Amino acid sequence: MTEGRILVGDGKYDSARKAFNQASDVAAAAGDSPLAAAAQLRMIEEMGAVLSRAELLAAYRRADQYAGDRASQAELERLRVCFRMVIDKFREVYSGEED
């Protein structure tokens, strides 16, 4: 996740996306679902403005899946914040259609 954050700071978004996803995959393979969820949430938090709607939604779904029913209160709050970011991205696109 640290590598992903550094790459975002350098504007290397494709590499950052890969780093966050790799961190999530490694954590999941090691059986650390909370860390796998955290990597997806961090990607949303750090890259929400540059990810496509599909990428945001996929990252959120993965985070939610990894967090599962045993998520702590802090993890649930991060999920809620990231969910709002995903919804806002969709709202930007569809708000013009309502007008």
C-alpha atoms as a PDB file:
ATOM      1  CA  MET A   1       0.000   0.000   0.000  1.00  0.00           C
ATOM      2  CA  THR A   2       2.883   2.342   0.697  1.00  0.00           C
ATOM      3  CA  GLU A   3       4.184   1.844  -2.818  1.00  0.00           C
ATOM      4  CA  GLY A   4       0.732   2.632  -4.193  1.00  0.00           C
ATOM      5  CA  ARG A   5       0.530   5.861  -2.216  1.00  0.00           C
ATOM      6  CA  ILE A   6       3.973   6.948  -3.414  1.00  0.00           C
ATOM      7  CA  LEU A   7       3.068   6.183  -7.024  1.00  0.00           C
ATOM      8  CA  VAL A   8      -0.158   8.195  -6.711  1.00  0.00           C
ATOM      9  CA  GLY A   9       1.888  11.118  -5.427  1.00  0.00           C
ATOM     10  CA  ASP A  10       4.102  10.834  -8.493  1.00  0.00           C
ATOM     11  CA  GLY A  11       1.065  10.724 -10.800  1.00  0.00           C
ATOM     12  CA  LYS A  12       1.787   7.137 -11.896  1.00  0.00           C
ATOM     13  CA  TYR A  13      -1.794   5.960 -11.618  1.00  0.00           C
ATOM     14  CA  ASP A  14      -1.569   2.730 -13.613  1.00  0.00           C
ATOM     15  CA  SER A  15       1.356   1.546 -11.508  1.00  0.00           C
ATOM     16  CA  ALA A  16      -0.385   2.675  -8.333  1.00  0.00           C
ATOM     17  CA  ARG A  17      -3.523   0.730  -9.250  1.00  0.00           C
ATOM     18  CA  LYS A  18      -1.420  -2.393  -9.785  1.00  0.00           C
ATOM     19  CA  ALA A  19       0.394  -1.884  -6.461  1.00  0.00           C
ATOM     20  CA  PHE A  20      -2.852  -1.514  -4.495  1.00  0.00           C
ATOM     21  CA  ASN A  21      -4.385  -4.551  -6.176  1.00  0.00           C
ATOM     22  CA  GLN A  22      -1.235  -6.591  -5.596  1.00  0.00           C
ATOM     23  CA  ALA A  23      -1.196  -5.592  -1.914  1.00  0.00           C
ATOM     24  CA  SER A  24      -4.815  -6.685  -1.649  1.00  0.00           C
ATOM     25  CA  ASP A  25      -4.172  -9.983  -3.438  1.00  0.00           C
ATOM     26  CA  VAL A  26      -1.138 -10.809  -1.286  1.00  0.00           C
ATOM     27  CA  ALA A  27      -3.010 -10.002   1.931  1.00  0.00           C
ATOM     28  CA  ALA A  28      -5.968 -12.129   0.843  1.00  0.00           C
ATOM     29  CA  ALA A  29      -3.690 -15.046  -0.088  1.00  0.00           C
ATOM     30  CA  ALA A  30      -2.079 -14.788   3.340  1.00  0.00           C
ATOM     31  CA  GLY A  31      -5.502 -14.946   4.976  1.00  0.00           C
ATOM     32  CA  ASP A  32      -5.529 -11.328   6.118  1.00  0.00           C
ATOM     33  CA  SER A  33      -8.920 -10.225   4.837  1.00  0.00           C
ATOM     34  CA  PRO A  34      -8.973  -6.940   6.796  1.00  0.00           C
ATOM     35  CA  LEU A  35      -5.678  -5.897   5.201  1.00  0.00           C
ATOM     36  CA  ALA A  36      -6.937  -6.975   1.772  1.00  0.00           C
ATOM     37  CA  ALA A  37      -9.998  -4.770   2.303  1.00  0.00           C
ATOM     38  CA  ALA A  38      -7.814  -1.909   3.546  1.00  0.00           C
ATOM     39  CA  ALA A  39      -5.736  -1.965   0.350  1.00  0.00           C
ATOM     40  CA  GLN A  40      -8.867  -1.641  -1.782  1.00  0.00           C
ATOM     41  CA  LEU A  41     -10.226   1.145   0.409  1.00  0.00           C
ATOM     42  CA  ARG A  42      -6.911   2.991   0.293  1.00  0.00           C
ATOM     43  CA  MET A  43      -6.974   2.784  -3.502  1.00  0.00           C
ATOM     44  CA  ILE A  44     -10.443   4.329  -3.528  1.00  0.00           C
ATOM     45  CA  GLU A  45      -9.390   7.036  -1.075  1.00  0.00           C
ATOM     46  CA  GLU A  46      -6.186   7.894  -2.911  1.00  0.00           C
ATOM     47  CA  MET A  47      -7.340   7.488  -6.503  1.00  0.00           C
ATOM     48  CA  GLY A  48     -11.091   8.098  -6.440  1.00  0.00           C
ATOM     49  CA  ALA A  49     -10.778  11.098  -8.734  1.00  0.00           C
ATOM     50  CA  VAL A  50      -8.862   9.208 -11.437  1.00  0.00           C
ATOM     51  CA  LEU A  51     -10.453   5.763 -11.369  1.00  0.00           C
ATOM     52  CA  SER A  52     -13.302   4.989 -13.721  1.00  0.00           C
ATOM     53  CA  ARG A  53     -16.727   4.246 -12.315  1.00  0.00           C
ATOM     54  CA  ALA A  54     -16.221   0.558 -13.088  1.00  0.00           C
ATOM     55  CA  GLU A  55     -12.854   0.494 -11.300  1.00  0.00           C
ATOM     56  CA  LEU A  56     -14.275   2.283  -8.267  1.00  0.00           C
ATOM     57  CA  LEU A  57     -17.208  -0.080  -8.064  1.00  0.00           C
ATOM     58  CA  ALA A  58     -14.984  -3.158  -8.455  1.00  0.00           C
ATOM     59  CA  ALA A  59     -12.610  -1.934  -5.735  1.00  0.00           C
ATOM     60  CA  TYR A  60     -15.512  -1.202  -3.410  1.00  0.00           C
ATOM     61  CA  ARG A  61     -17.057  -4.620  -3.993  1.00  0.00           C
ATOM     62  CA  ARG A  62     -13.737  -6.330  -3.300  1.00  0.00           C
ATOM     63  CA  ALA A  63     -13.269  -4.304  -0.111  1.00  0.00           C
ATOM     64  CA  ASP A  64     -16.778  -5.157   1.047  1.00  0.00           C
ATOM     65  CA  GLN A  65     -16.229  -8.837   0.275  1.00  0.00           C
ATOM     66  CA  TYR A  66     -12.926  -8.923   2.164  1.00  0.00           C
ATOM     67  CA  ALA A  67     -14.331  -7.006   5.130  1.00  0.00           C
ATOM     68  CA  GLY A  68     -17.191  -9.470   5.394  1.00  0.00           C
ATOM     69  CA  ASP A  69     -19.421  -9.813   8.412  1.00  0.00           C
ATOM     70  CA  ARG A  70     -16.540  -9.501  10.878  1.00  0.00           C
ATOM     71  CA  ALA A  71     -15.597  -5.922   9.984  1.00  0.00           C
ATOM     72  CA  SER A  72     -14.784  -3.640  12.872  1.00  0.00           C
ATOM     73  CA  GLN A  73     -16.638  -0.381  13.428  1.00  0.00           C
ATOM     74  CA  ALA A  74     -13.666   1.539  11.961  1.00  0.00           C
ATOM     75  CA  GLU A  75     -13.656  -0.668   8.853  1.00  0.00           C
ATOM     76  CA  LEU A  76     -17.391  -0.199   8.409  1.00  0.00           C
ATOM     77  CA  GLU A  77     -16.966   3.560   8.623  1.00  0.00           C
ATOM     78  CA  ARG A  78     -14.245   3.485   5.939  1.00  0.00           C
ATOM     79  CA  LEU A  79     -16.522   1.354   3.768  1.00  0.00           C
ATOM     80  CA  ARG A  80     -19.302   3.920   4.199  1.00  0.00           C
ATOM     81  CA  VAL A  81     -17.002   6.819   3.292  1.00  0.00           C
ATOM     82  CA  CYS A  82     -15.734   5.000   0.211  1.00  0.00           C
ATOM     83  CA  PHE A  83     -19.269   4.033  -0.761  1.00  0.00           C
ATOM     84  CA  ARG A  84     -20.183   7.708  -0.762  1.00  0.00           C
ATOM     85  CA  MET A  85     -17.196   8.408  -3.027  1.00  0.00           C
ATOM     86  CA  VAL A  86     -18.368   5.724  -5.466  1.00  0.00           C
ATOM     87  CA  ILE A  87     -21.944   7.022  -5.439  1.00  0.00           C
ATOM     88  CA  ASP A  88     -20.743  10.597  -5.961  1.00  0.00           C
ATOM     89  CA  LYS A  89     -18.784   9.496  -9.043  1.00  0.00           C
ATOM     90  CA  PHE A  90     -21.925   7.920 -10.493  1.00  0.00           C
ATOM     91  CA  ARG A  91     -23.995  10.955  -9.536  1.00  0.00           C
ATOM     92  CA  GLU A  92     -21.613  13.250 -11.470  1.00  0.00           C
ATOM     93  CA  VAL A  93     -22.281  11.318 -14.645  1.00  0.00           C
ATOM     94  CA  TYR A  94     -26.016  10.909 -14.266  1.00  0.00           C
ATOM     95  CA  SER A  95     -26.910  14.282 -12.773  1.00  0.00           C
ATOM     96  CA  GLY A  96     -26.811  15.911 -16.208  1.00  0.00           C
ATOM     97  CA  GLU A  97     -29.379  13.423 -17.493  1.00  0.00           C
ATOM     98  CA  GLU A  98     -31.914  14.530 -14.892  1.00  0.00           C
ATOM     99  CA  ASP A  99     -31.755  18.104 -16.172  1.00  0.00           C
END
